[in-house]
Amino acid sequence: MNKILYGVGYDAECCLFYDRFKKNEISFCIDYEDRNIKSFHGLDVLSPEEGLRIRGSELIIVAVPKTEYEEIRKSFCENGLIEFKDFYYKDSYRKKIVLINANCHGLALEEYLLLSPSFKNDYVIYPIKSADTNIDGIPASVLNNVDIYIHQDIKPDNGVSYYISDEWTVGKIKGDNICIPNVASGLGQFLFPTIGNLDKVLYTKAGEKRFVMFRDYCLDEAYESLGNKPIDSYLEFFNRYIPDNLEEIFETCIFKIRNRQKNWDVSIYEYILNNYKSIPMFVDRTHPSKYLMREIGRQVAEMLNINDIDDSEYEAKLGIPVPLLPKIKEHYGINYKDNEEIRKCFLRGNSSDVLQYMRAYMWFYHGYVI
């Protein structure tokens, strides 16, 4: 069957460059943007209206960025086309389809798996929104075509959509089902007991959210207590601050991990308990470190019989890294240095990470130049 290549940008270039389907199998291309491009590697480029009007029995291969695919899928379906019959997301017509239904750490797991040449050769990851933003849910038609379903344990009353929950999704999967930890549910609270929600939000011109910093009750108390004192006073306050109920918070977090692990196929309880003093487990209270994500990735890769990953340079890039309180380090006997990722978030000059973190916090939350 001949094919139509929908897209003439970077993703389409990759499709042709890696010969995922042969150029001589393509009847023509469609540019989903109005860029007045007439030819792409010698192939005619038509507008969406013209291309779909003259389409015969060709299979449409949609080679666009992941963020663009959902709207295109909706438009095609509204016009009577059937996904996995008339059109496919690039490469998913000839490889096993993996669907990762998780919060932001799902993307970190995806990046881990894509370190494997054999994974990229055998699998394609179907593009869906992060579970915490996917209000439209996952269509049954997509779930019915998934070969590997990797997901958090998501309850029906999850607050986003019933149609991302295990109750809706799991029974519709014909392939393998792998449940991973939901590490975005405050499991790192014992290391960051003063950290609250992502209350500081900025917006782009297009209205897209940009989270800036987590609320930090230690620094809020410092501001109430110190006011316009110099930064050395704030550093002293930070260094001697001891949160209440540390043992209770620790037991609650560890119990939560152990109890929830009963629903997971990936085990992190023992890894955290055995290593949290010597290896950073979280970068803030809701996001795993690259080390914890690496452990999750290794276990998932083993379940998929993938053994060709070099993860020595793996970076998870999750959350907004927060420095540990010195008294937390002392209380738990932590012997690793603060997360170096803080430097990438806040360091602008030669100040220490903690000083720049405090400067940023006071500016964003209290409008105070410290």
Foldseek 3Di string as FASTA:
>chain_A
DAAEEEAQDDQVVVCDVVCLDDPVSHQAYEHADPPPDQAHPRGGYDHPVVCVVPDDQHAYEYRDDLVPVVVVVVVCVVVPDDELRRYYHHNVVPAAEEEEAAALLSVLLVVQQVLFPVCVVHYDYHRDDHNVARLVADDLSVLLRHAEYEYAQADCPNVRHNRNHCVNRVVSHPHHYFHFYQLQPQLQCLQQVQWAAQPQWDADPVGDIDRAGTGGNQLVVVCVPPPQDDLVSVVVSLQPDDDPPSVVVNVVSLCVLVVSCVVGPAHCSCVCVVPVQEDPQAQHRRGGFQVVSVSRSVSVCVVVVGDRGDCPPRGSPDDQGDFGRNVSCVVVVRDDHTDPVLCVRFPDDPDDSNSRVSQVCCCRPPVDRD
